[in-house]
Amino acid sequence: MRARSEGGPDDVDRGGATTTSEEYDTGRAVLLAAVAAIGGFLFGFDTAVINGAVEAIRADFAIGAGLTGFTVSSALIGCAAGAWVAGQLAGRFGRVRVMLLASAFFTISAVGSGLAQGPWDLVVWRVVGGLAVGAASVIAPAYIAEISPASIRGRLGSLQQLAIVTGIFLALLSDYFIATAAGGAGEELWLGLEAWRWMFLTEVVPAVAYGVLALQIPESPRFLVARGEHQQARSVLAQVLRSGVDERLREIRRTVAADARSTVADLRGPFLGLLPIVWVGIGLSLFQQFVGINVIFYYSSSLWQQVGFSEADALVQTVITSVTNIAVTVVAIAMIDRVGRRRLLLVGSAGMAVSLAALAVAFATAPLVDGEPALEGAAGPVALVAANLFVVFFGVSWGPAVWVLLGEMFNNRIRAAALGLAAAAQWAGNFLISTTFPALAEVGLGLAYGLYTAFAALSFVFVLRWVPETRGRQLEDME
């Protein structure tokens, strides 16, 4: 199917982005982006699948709360390292080869975790999986940005976030069905293995599929030009573009000729040792985590139980939240190339600040029962609505838009290294928020959500002051 972007070569977006007229094969572009986004699906699946296994692992290995918490969060250590290294490997060996490496690590991690004999070897396998998650978090947005027509790059880039939230949902769903089939996560299911082990082993199927499908897609034209394979790069561009292929190839060749291979040294600049645009990328990554979104996804079930909901109701709310996240991500895909990245982020920051403030007030003013806040009367529904509105505002803005911006905001010379550094910062932020929430919650949930409210408000100022609009601009035009 052919499509043509709206606007001519001189159209200018209000955020400063220029749009160009181009014809492209929408089906082919979506197919290539979708294969790359399978890494995002595994990203979501791998980070969420352990949720259904936590209590069974703790009982089987007879470990305490501290080691249990480290076992759960250990994957995030691998995520940060994988994101950092993947940017360098992608610049040296290509995007597709990094996808294949991530596929292998996902598979190894799934098998190792499912057959783990103790907490420490499970930690090792979880870190291996984290390396794959980190690599996928870098390589998918980079590849999608480099093969996408400028006019639909935002929508294609948003497939990464859609894949992530779908992976989270299906991981939770598969955990539920496996535990139900066995009569409990700690009960034996098939081949003498407990159900929690099969929760990990199910990841082998999408992990292998990722590698097989990655072998079917072409390498990034940007990487091919850097390797001197200009004819092959033109062939790849022609698979997606129906006009302007030679012009796009000339632009890539021009920027590759002017630029050296992306290295850490290229990120150095006058502001605290880094280029300003690199700090913008790091800031986007950290704010995406500091608003506390993963507190909702990692702790929502236990959180709702702590404030008076039954276990069954808490699980239902967790599923509703996950489905809501998928739905609003679809909305974001439809909007991001029309509205622009900055506008979505600004609306999201404002909405998150208001909804988080409502949560903070509800928890801070709730009476304590046995040391825990009890949401009585209207406070319960208010908190529930506020939590889901928070997910809505995040899912329609900061969830997908940050991944899109990280894939396209850096110039070609520094993209791989800068994306790797920003993604590593994101995982470090995730680890920090995830590990500090229990301690903050012990002091008071009002305090925890008050801090997340402050970060949401600061994110609005950050976007307004420093984040550029990239809608409609060719990657070769990024400064």
Protein backbone atom coordinates (compact mmCIF):
# COMPACT_ATOMS: atom_id res chain seq x y z
CA MET A 1 0.00 0.00 0.00
CA ARG A 2 1.32 3.41 -0.94
CA ALA A 3 0.88 6.46 1.21
CA ARG A 4 1.82 10.06 0.81
CA SER A 5 2.64 12.42 3.62
CA GLU A 6 0.64 15.61 3.93
CA GLY A 7 2.39 18.91 3.24
CA GLY A 8 5.05 20.12 0.92
CA PRO A 9 8.79 20.57 1.34
CA ASP A 10 8.42 24.00 2.87
CA ASP A 11 5.85 23.15 5.52
CA VAL A 12 7.05 24.00 9.01
CA ASP A 13 5.76 22.61 12.30
CA ARG A 14 5.15 25.10 15.10
CA GLY A 15 7.79 23.35 17.17
CA GLY A 16 10.36 24.12 14.50
CA ALA A 17 10.21 20.84 12.58
CA THR A 18 10.04 20.80 8.82
CA THR A 19 8.02 18.20 6.96
CA THR A 20 8.74 16.88 3.50
CA SER A 21 6.51 15.33 0.87
CA GLU A 22 7.27 11.65 0.38
CA GLU A 23 5.65 8.48 -0.88
CA TYR A 24 6.19 5.25 1.00
CA ASP A 25 5.03 1.66 1.36
CA THR A 26 3.14 1.72 4.65
CA GLY A 27 2.82 -2.06 4.89
CA ARG A 28 6.55 -2.68 4.48
CA ALA A 29 7.45 0.08 6.94
CA VAL A 30 5.06 -1.31 9.55
CA LEU A 31 6.38 -4.85 9.03
CA LEU A 32 10.02 -3.85 9.60
CA ALA A 33 9.13 -1.75 12.63
CA ALA A 34 6.97 -4.53 14.07
CA VAL A 35 9.79 -7.09 13.88
CA ALA A 36 12.16 -4.70 15.64
CA ALA A 37 9.47 -4.01 18.25
CA ILE A 38 9.34 -7.70 19.22
CA GLY A 39 12.36 -6.78 21.30
CA GLY A 40 10.05 -4.40 23.14
CA PHE A 41 7.53 -7.19 23.69
CA LEU A 42 10.25 -9.32 25.26
CA PHE A 43 11.38 -6.28 27.23
CA GLY A 44 7.91 -6.06 28.80
CA PHE A 45 7.45 -9.80 29.18
CA ASP A 46 10.83 -10.41 30.80
CA THR A 47 10.52 -7.61 33.35
CA ALA A 48 6.96 -8.56 34.36
CA VAL A 49 6.97 -12.37 34.26
CA ILE A 50 8.66 -12.72 37.65
CA ASN A 51 5.69 -11.06 39.39
CA GLY A 52 3.68 -14.27 39.46
CA ALA A 53 6.64 -16.31 40.67
CA VAL A 54 7.94 -14.21 43.57
CA GLU A 55 6.22 -15.92 46.50
CA ALA A 56 6.83 -19.42 45.09
CA ILE A 57 10.53 -18.65 44.58
CA ARG A 58 10.78 -17.32 48.12
CA ALA A 59 9.21 -20.48 49.52
CA ASP A 60 11.13 -22.94 47.31
CA PHE A 61 14.53 -21.39 48.03
CA ALA A 62 13.69 -20.46 51.66
CA ILE A 63 15.02 -16.93 51.31
CA GLY A 64 14.21 -13.76 53.20
CA ALA A 65 12.62 -10.54 52.03
CA GLY A 66 15.92 -8.82 51.30
CA LEU A 67 17.26 -11.50 48.98
CA THR A 68 13.83 -11.92 47.41
CA GLY A 69 13.75 -8.20 46.59
CA PHE A 70 17.26 -8.34 45.11
CA THR A 71 16.33 -11.37 43.01
CA VAL A 72 13.37 -9.47 41.59
CA SER A 73 15.28 -6.25 40.87
CA SER A 74 18.57 -7.86 39.75
CA ALA A 75 17.44 -7.88 36.12
CA LEU A 76 17.52 -4.07 36.16
CA ILE A 77 21.29 -4.18 36.74
CA GLY A 78 21.67 -6.13 33.52
CA CYS A 79 19.25 -3.73 31.79
CA ALA A 80 21.46 -0.71 32.48
CA ALA A 81 24.61 -2.54 31.34
CA GLY A 82 22.91 -3.95 28.25
CA ALA A 83 21.61 -0.56 27.20
CA TRP A 84 25.04 1.00 27.56
CA VAL A 85 26.90 -1.72 25.64
CA ALA A 86 24.26 -2.19 22.93
CA GLY A 87 24.73 1.32 21.59
CA GLN A 88 28.41 0.64 21.02
CA LEU A 89 27.81 -2.81 19.51
CA ALA A 90 25.13 -1.46 17.17
CA GLY A 91 27.54 1.12 15.79
CA ARG A 92 30.25 -1.48 15.26
CA PHE A 93 28.40 -4.64 14.17
CA GLY A 94 25.00 -3.45 13.04
CA ARG A 95 21.47 -3.29 14.39
CA VAL A 96 20.32 -6.73 13.24
CA ARG A 97 23.27 -8.53 14.81
CA VAL A 98 22.48 -6.91 18.15
CA MET A 99 18.87 -8.11 17.79
CA LEU A 100 20.17 -11.66 17.27
CA LEU A 101 22.42 -11.36 20.32
CA ALA A 102 19.48 -10.11 22.40
CA SER A 103 17.37 -13.02 21.16
CA ALA A 104 20.04 -15.48 22.29
CA PHE A 105 20.31 -13.83 25.72
CA PHE A 106 16.52 -13.83 26.17
CA THR A 107 16.45 -17.56 25.37
CA ILE A 108 19.35 -18.40 27.68
CA SER A 109 17.80 -16.38 30.49
CA ALA A 110 14.39 -18.04 30.11
CA VAL A 111 15.84 -21.57 30.25
CA GLY A 112 18.32 -20.76 33.02
CA SER A 113 15.70 -19.04 35.19
CA GLY A 114 13.23 -21.88 34.70
CA LEU A 115 15.82 -24.48 35.76
CA ALA A 116 17.54 -22.43 38.49
CA GLN A 117 18.66 -24.42 41.54
CA GLY A 118 19.01 -21.55 43.97
CA PRO A 119 18.60 -17.79 44.36
CA TRP A 120 22.08 -16.84 43.24
CA ASP A 121 22.07 -18.70 39.94
CA LEU A 122 18.56 -17.29 39.37
CA VAL A 123 20.05 -13.83 39.87
CA VAL A 124 22.69 -14.62 37.24
CA TRP A 125 20.08 -15.73 34.70
CA ARG A 126 17.93 -12.68 35.49
CA VAL A 127 20.92 -10.41 34.86
CA VAL A 128 21.50 -12.16 31.52
CA GLY A 129 17.88 -11.45 30.65
CA GLY A 130 18.39 -7.87 31.77
CA LEU A 131 21.27 -7.51 29.32
CA ALA A 132 18.88 -8.55 26.55
CA VAL A 133 16.17 -6.16 27.77
CA GLY A 134 18.66 -3.29 27.86
CA ALA A 135 19.85 -4.09 24.34
CA ALA A 136 16.28 -4.27 23.06
CA SER A 137 15.47 -0.93 24.68
CA VAL A 138 18.21 0.69 22.58
CA ILE A 139 18.19 -1.18 19.31
CA ALA A 140 14.45 -1.16 18.57
CA PRO A 141 13.96 2.65 18.62
CA ALA A 142 17.22 3.22 16.75
CA TYR A 143 16.38 0.74 13.97
CA ILE A 144 12.78 1.93 13.65
CA ALA A 145 13.87 5.57 13.41
CA GLU A 146 16.43 4.76 10.70
CA ILE A 147 14.10 2.80 8.41
CA SER A 148 10.95 4.92 8.86
CA PRO A 149 9.62 7.66 6.56
CA ALA A 150 9.77 10.94 8.49
CA SER A 151 6.03 11.59 8.31
CA ILE A 152 5.07 8.36 10.12
CA ARG A 153 8.22 7.83 12.19
CA GLY A 154 6.46 8.78 15.41
CA ARG A 155 3.70 6.24 14.94
CA LEU A 156 6.14 3.51 14.01
CA GLY A 157 8.41 4.41 16.92
CA SER A 158 5.41 4.17 19.26
CA LEU A 159 5.10 0.48 18.33
CA GLN A 160 7.98 -0.07 20.77
CA GLN A 161 5.90 1.15 23.71
CA LEU A 162 2.83 -0.75 22.50
CA ALA A 163 4.94 -3.90 22.34
CA ILE A 164 6.29 -3.29 25.86
CA VAL A 165 2.88 -2.88 27.48
CA THR A 166 1.51 -5.85 25.52
CA GLY A 167 4.42 -7.95 26.77
CA ILE A 168 3.67 -6.90 30.35
CA PHE A 169 0.00 -7.79 29.96
CA LEU A 170 0.65 -11.20 28.39
CA ALA A 171 3.28 -12.04 31.01
CA LEU A 172 0.77 -11.38 33.79
CA LEU A 173 -1.92 -13.28 31.89
CA SER A 174 0.31 -16.31 31.27
CA ASP A 175 1.39 -16.29 34.93
CA TYR A 176 -2.27 -16.41 35.93
CA PHE A 177 -3.16 -19.29 33.61
CA ILE A 178 -0.08 -21.34 34.52
CA ALA A 179 -0.63 -20.89 38.26
CA THR A 180 -4.33 -21.73 37.87
CA ALA A 181 -3.58 -24.86 35.86
CA ALA A 182 -1.19 -26.11 38.53
CA GLY A 183 -3.30 -25.04 41.50
CA GLY A 184 -0.64 -22.56 42.60
CA ALA A 185 2.69 -21.12 41.42
CA GLY A 186 4.58 -23.45 43.75
CA GLU A 187 2.77 -26.61 42.64
CA GLU A 188 4.12 -29.14 40.12
CA LEU A 189 2.82 -28.69 36.57
CA TRP A 190 4.60 -30.57 33.75
CA LEU A 191 7.72 -32.74 33.56
CA GLY A 192 8.16 -32.56 37.32
CA LEU A 193 8.71 -28.79 37.25
CA GLU A 194 6.82 -26.32 39.40
CA ALA A 195 4.48 -23.83 37.76
CA TRP A 196 6.73 -20.83 38.51
CA ARG A 197 9.50 -22.43 36.44
CA TRP A 198 7.14 -22.73 33.45
CA MET A 199 6.36 -19.03 33.80
CA PHE A 200 9.97 -18.34 32.82
CA LEU A 201 10.22 -21.14 30.26
CA THR A 202 7.28 -19.80 28.23
CA GLU A 203 9.50 -16.88 27.22
CA VAL A 204 11.56 -19.22 25.04
CA VAL A 205 8.86 -19.12 22.33
CA PRO A 206 8.85 -15.33 21.66
CA ALA A 207 12.62 -15.16 22.26
CA VAL A 208 13.37 -17.67 19.49
CA ALA A 209 10.75 -16.07 17.22
CA TYR A 210 12.51 -12.72 17.67
CA GLY A 211 15.78 -14.16 16.41
CA VAL A 212 14.18 -15.98 13.47
CA LEU A 213 12.27 -12.89 12.34
CA ALA A 214 15.29 -10.61 12.81
CA LEU A 215 17.08 -12.73 10.21
CA GLN A 216 14.33 -11.81 7.73
CA ILE A 217 14.70 -8.02 7.91
CA PRO A 218 17.39 -5.88 6.27
CA GLU A 219 20.12 -3.99 8.06
CA SER A 220 19.70 -0.28 8.75
CA PRO A 221 20.56 1.81 5.66
CA ARG A 222 22.53 4.16 7.89
CA PHE A 223 24.79 1.33 9.06
CA LEU A 224 25.17 -0.03 5.51
CA VAL A 225 26.31 3.34 4.19
CA ALA A 226 28.82 3.59 7.03
CA ARG A 227 30.17 0.21 5.89
CA GLY A 228 30.44 1.43 2.29
CA GLU A 229 27.61 -0.83 1.07
CA HIS A 230 25.77 1.95 -0.77
CA GLN A 231 23.90 -0.20 -3.26
CA GLN A 232 22.52 -2.43 -0.54
CA ALA A 233 21.52 0.66 1.45
CA ARG A 234 19.66 1.98 -1.58
CA SER A 235 17.87 -1.35 -1.92
CA VAL A 236 16.74 -1.18 1.71
CA LEU A 237 15.48 2.39 1.31
CA ALA A 238 13.61 1.39 -1.84
CA GLN A 239 11.72 -1.27 0.13
CA VAL A 240 10.04 1.50 2.12
CA LEU A 241 10.28 4.71 0.06
CA ARG A 242 8.52 5.03 -3.31
CA SER A 243 10.04 8.42 -4.08
CA GLY A 244 13.12 10.36 -3.07
CA VAL A 245 15.27 7.26 -2.54
CA ASP A 246 18.37 8.73 -4.16
CA GLU A 247 17.93 12.03 -2.34
CA ARG A 248 17.62 10.25 1.02
CA LEU A 249 20.66 8.11 0.22
CA ARG A 250 22.70 11.21 -0.64
CA GLU A 251 21.75 12.79 2.68
CA ILE A 252 22.81 9.68 4.58
CA ARG A 253 26.06 9.50 2.65
CA ARG A 254 26.71 13.16 3.35
CA THR A 255 26.24 12.79 7.08
CA VAL A 256 28.19 9.53 7.23
CA ALA A 257 31.08 11.10 5.33
CA ALA A 258 31.12 14.01 7.76
CA ASP A 259 30.74 11.91 10.88
CA ALA A 260 32.97 9.39 12.57
CA ARG A 261 31.72 6.20 14.20
CA SER A 262 29.65 6.92 17.30
CA THR A 263 31.75 6.59 20.47
CA VAL A 264 31.52 7.75 24.05
CA ALA A 265 34.06 10.46 23.29
CA ASP A 266 31.59 12.01 20.82
CA LEU A 267 29.21 12.74 23.70
CA ARG A 268 31.61 15.07 25.46
CA GLY A 269 30.57 18.67 25.62
CA PRO A 270 30.83 21.91 27.55
CA PHE A 271 27.96 21.36 29.97
CA LEU A 272 29.04 19.11 32.86
CA GLY A 273 31.14 17.06 30.47
CA LEU A 274 28.37 16.18 27.99
CA LEU A 275 26.65 17.76 25.01
CA PRO A 276 23.42 19.56 25.99
CA ILE A 277 21.28 17.30 23.77
CA VAL A 278 22.68 14.25 25.57
CA TRP A 279 21.60 15.73 28.89
CA VAL A 280 18.14 16.27 27.41
CA GLY A 281 17.98 12.58 26.52
CA ILE A 282 19.13 11.59 30.02
CA GLY A 283 16.58 13.97 31.53
CA LEU A 284 13.75 12.47 29.49
CA SER A 285 14.76 8.98 30.59
CA LEU A 286 15.00 9.88 34.27
CA PHE A 287 11.74 11.84 34.40
CA GLN A 288 9.96 8.95 32.69
CA GLN A 289 10.93 6.81 35.69
CA PHE A 290 10.89 9.40 38.49
CA VAL A 291 7.13 10.01 38.11
CA GLY A 292 6.75 6.54 39.62
CA ILE A 293 5.06 4.65 36.78
CA ASN A 294 6.73 1.36 37.64
CA VAL A 295 5.51 1.59 41.21
CA ILE A 296 2.05 1.07 39.70
CA PHE A 297 3.15 -1.92 37.62
CA TYR A 298 5.43 -3.57 40.20
CA TYR A 299 3.52 -2.95 43.41
CA SER A 300 -0.10 -2.15 42.51
CA SER A 301 -1.57 -5.46 43.70
CA SER A 302 0.06 -5.33 47.14
CA LEU A 303 -0.54 -1.57 47.33
CA TRP A 304 -4.31 -1.89 46.89
CA GLN A 305 -4.41 -4.71 49.41
CA GLN A 306 -2.54 -2.57 51.93
CA VAL A 307 -5.14 0.17 51.71
CA GLY A 308 -8.16 -2.08 52.18
CA PHE A 309 -8.96 -3.83 48.88
CA SER A 310 -9.37 -7.60 48.87
CA GLU A 311 -6.77 -9.72 47.06
CA ALA A 312 -9.23 -10.56 44.28
CA ASP A 313 -10.21 -6.92 43.79
CA ALA A 314 -6.56 -5.86 43.81
CA LEU A 315 -5.72 -8.35 41.06
CA VAL A 316 -8.69 -7.17 39.00
CA GLN A 317 -7.50 -3.56 39.33
CA THR A 318 -4.01 -4.59 38.19
CA VAL A 319 -5.41 -6.23 35.05
CA ILE A 320 -7.63 -3.21 34.35
CA THR A 321 -4.62 -0.92 34.69
CA SER A 322 -2.61 -3.07 32.26
CA VAL A 323 -5.41 -3.09 29.67
CA THR A 324 -5.84 0.67 30.09
CA ASN A 325 -2.15 1.14 29.40
CA ILE A 326 -2.42 -0.79 26.12
CA ALA A 327 -5.50 1.17 25.02
CA VAL A 328 -3.99 4.61 25.61
CA THR A 329 -0.77 3.57 23.87
CA VAL A 330 -2.83 2.84 20.76
CA VAL A 331 -4.32 6.33 21.09
CA ALA A 332 -0.81 7.79 21.35
CA ILE A 333 0.24 6.02 18.14
CA ALA A 334 -2.65 7.67 16.32
CA MET A 335 -1.83 11.11 17.71
CA ILE A 336 1.93 11.45 17.94
CA ASP A 337 2.64 12.44 14.33
CA ARG A 338 -0.32 14.83 14.26
CA VAL A 339 0.05 16.50 17.65
CA GLY A 340 3.82 16.32 18.00
CA ARG A 341 6.08 14.95 20.71
CA ARG A 342 6.39 18.10 22.87
CA ARG A 343 2.65 18.73 23.08
CA LEU A 344 1.97 15.16 24.15
CA LEU A 345 4.68 15.36 26.81
CA LEU A 346 3.35 18.68 28.16
CA VAL A 347 -0.22 17.40 28.38
CA GLY A 348 1.03 14.20 29.98
CA SER A 349 3.13 16.03 32.58
CA ALA A 350 0.21 18.27 33.59
CA GLY A 351 -2.21 15.35 33.80
CA MET A 352 0.22 13.19 35.78
CA ALA A 353 0.91 16.00 38.25
CA VAL A 354 -2.79 16.47 38.98
CA SER A 355 -3.60 12.74 39.27
CA LEU A 356 -0.53 12.02 41.40
CA ALA A 357 -1.38 14.96 43.66
CA ALA A 358 -4.85 13.46 44.18
CA LEU A 359 -3.25 10.13 45.13
CA ALA A 360 -0.83 11.85 47.52
CA VAL A 361 -3.64 13.71 49.27
CA ALA A 362 -5.82 10.59 49.50
CA PHE A 363 -3.05 8.56 51.12
CA ALA A 364 -1.74 11.37 53.33
CA THR A 365 -5.17 12.11 54.82
CA ALA A 366 -6.33 8.50 55.22
CA PRO A 367 -6.65 7.25 58.82
CA LEU A 368 -4.20 4.55 59.89
CA VAL A 369 -5.48 1.07 60.70
CA ASP A 370 -2.83 -1.33 62.03
CA GLY A 371 -0.21 1.06 60.74
CA GLU A 372 -1.58 1.16 57.19
CA PRO A 373 -3.70 3.92 55.58
CA ALA A 374 -7.32 2.89 55.13
CA LEU A 375 -9.17 4.54 52.25
CA GLU A 376 -12.65 5.06 53.60
CA GLY A 377 -15.76 6.50 51.97
CA ALA A 378 -15.03 8.45 48.78
CA ALA A 379 -11.26 8.21 49.28
CA GLY A 380 -11.10 4.68 47.80
CA PRO A 381 -12.83 5.49 44.49
CA VAL A 382 -10.92 8.78 44.23
CA ALA A 383 -7.58 7.01 44.64
CA LEU A 384 -8.59 4.31 42.17
CA VAL A 385 -9.67 6.82 39.53
CA ALA A 386 -6.57 8.95 40.13
CA ALA A 387 -4.25 5.94 39.73
CA ASN A 388 -5.84 4.94 36.44
CA LEU A 389 -5.83 8.54 35.19
CA PHE A 390 -2.12 8.65 35.99
CA VAL A 391 -1.63 5.56 33.80
CA VAL A 392 -3.75 7.15 31.06
CA PHE A 393 -1.74 10.38 31.01
CA PHE A 394 1.56 8.49 31.14
CA GLY A 395 0.55 5.95 28.50
CA VAL A 396 -0.60 8.57 26.01
CA SER A 397 2.51 10.71 26.41
CA TRP A 398 5.68 9.88 28.34
CA GLY A 399 5.43 6.14 27.68
CA PRO A 400 5.69 6.19 23.87
CA ALA A 401 6.97 9.73 23.22
CA VAL A 402 10.21 9.29 25.15
CA TRP A 403 11.15 6.19 23.14
CA VAL A 404 10.33 8.01 19.90
CA LEU A 405 12.39 11.05 20.87
CA LEU A 406 15.37 8.97 21.98
CA GLY A 407 15.35 7.22 18.62
CA GLU A 408 15.32 10.43 16.58
CA MET A 409 16.53 13.48 18.57
CA PHE A 410 20.27 12.77 18.35
CA ASN A 411 22.25 13.48 15.21
CA ASN A 412 23.64 10.55 13.25
CA ARG A 413 27.16 10.94 14.61
CA ILE A 414 26.18 10.33 18.23
CA ARG A 415 22.87 8.46 17.98
CA ALA A 416 24.00 4.96 18.96
CA ALA A 417 26.19 6.05 21.89
CA ALA A 418 23.78 8.73 23.13
CA LEU A 419 20.79 6.40 22.97
CA GLY A 420 22.73 3.78 24.89
CA LEU A 421 23.66 6.26 27.63
CA ALA A 422 20.11 7.61 27.89
CA ALA A 423 18.63 4.11 28.06
CA ALA A 424 21.16 3.12 30.73
CA ALA A 425 20.08 6.17 32.75
CA GLN A 426 16.47 5.07 32.34
CA TRP A 427 17.18 1.66 33.80
CA ALA A 428 19.19 3.19 36.64
CA GLY A 429 16.21 5.43 37.38
CA ASN A 430 13.87 2.44 37.28
CA PHE A 431 16.09 0.58 39.75
CA LEU A 432 16.26 3.59 42.08
CA ILE A 433 12.50 4.18 42.15
CA SER A 434 11.63 0.49 42.42
CA THR A 435 13.98 -0.18 45.32
CA THR A 436 13.19 2.99 47.30
CA PHE A 437 9.40 2.75 47.13
CA PRO A 438 8.99 0.15 49.92
CA ALA A 439 11.06 2.30 52.29
CA LEU A 440 9.18 5.46 51.32
CA ALA A 441 5.86 3.64 51.72
CA GLU A 442 6.82 2.65 55.26
CA VAL A 443 7.28 6.33 56.08
CA GLY A 444 4.02 7.17 54.32
CA LEU A 445 2.38 6.66 50.94
CA GLY A 446 1.50 10.35 50.94
CA LEU A 447 5.23 11.16 50.99
CA ALA A 448 6.02 8.72 48.16
CA TYR A 449 3.32 10.03 45.85
CA GLY A 450 4.10 13.61 46.87
CA LEU A 451 7.64 13.13 45.54
CA TYR A 452 6.34 11.64 42.29
CA THR A 453 3.97 14.62 41.99
CA ALA A 454 6.91 17.00 42.30
CA PHE A 455 8.83 15.15 39.58
CA ALA A 456 5.78 15.25 37.28
CA ALA A 457 5.54 19.03 37.76
CA LEU A 458 9.28 19.44 37.13
CA SER A 459 8.98 17.33 33.97
CA PHE A 460 6.57 19.94 32.54
CA VAL A 461 9.15 22.70 33.05
CA PHE A 462 11.89 20.48 31.62
CA VAL A 463 9.97 19.79 28.41
CA LEU A 464 8.88 23.40 28.01
CA ARG A 465 12.43 24.68 28.38
CA TRP A 466 14.71 22.08 26.82
CA VAL A 467 13.02 19.35 24.75
CA PRO A 468 13.03 19.96 20.96
CA GLU A 469 10.22 19.01 18.57
CA THR A 470 11.34 16.41 16.03
CA ARG A 471 8.07 15.73 14.22
CA GLY A 472 8.49 15.48 10.45
CA ARG A 473 12.24 16.09 10.40
CA GLN A 474 14.62 13.75 8.60
CA LEU A 475 17.22 12.15 10.85
CA GLU A 476 19.92 13.67 8.68
CA ASP A 477 18.62 17.14 9.63
CA MET A 478 19.02 16.70 13.37
CA GLU A 479 21.57 19.07 14.85
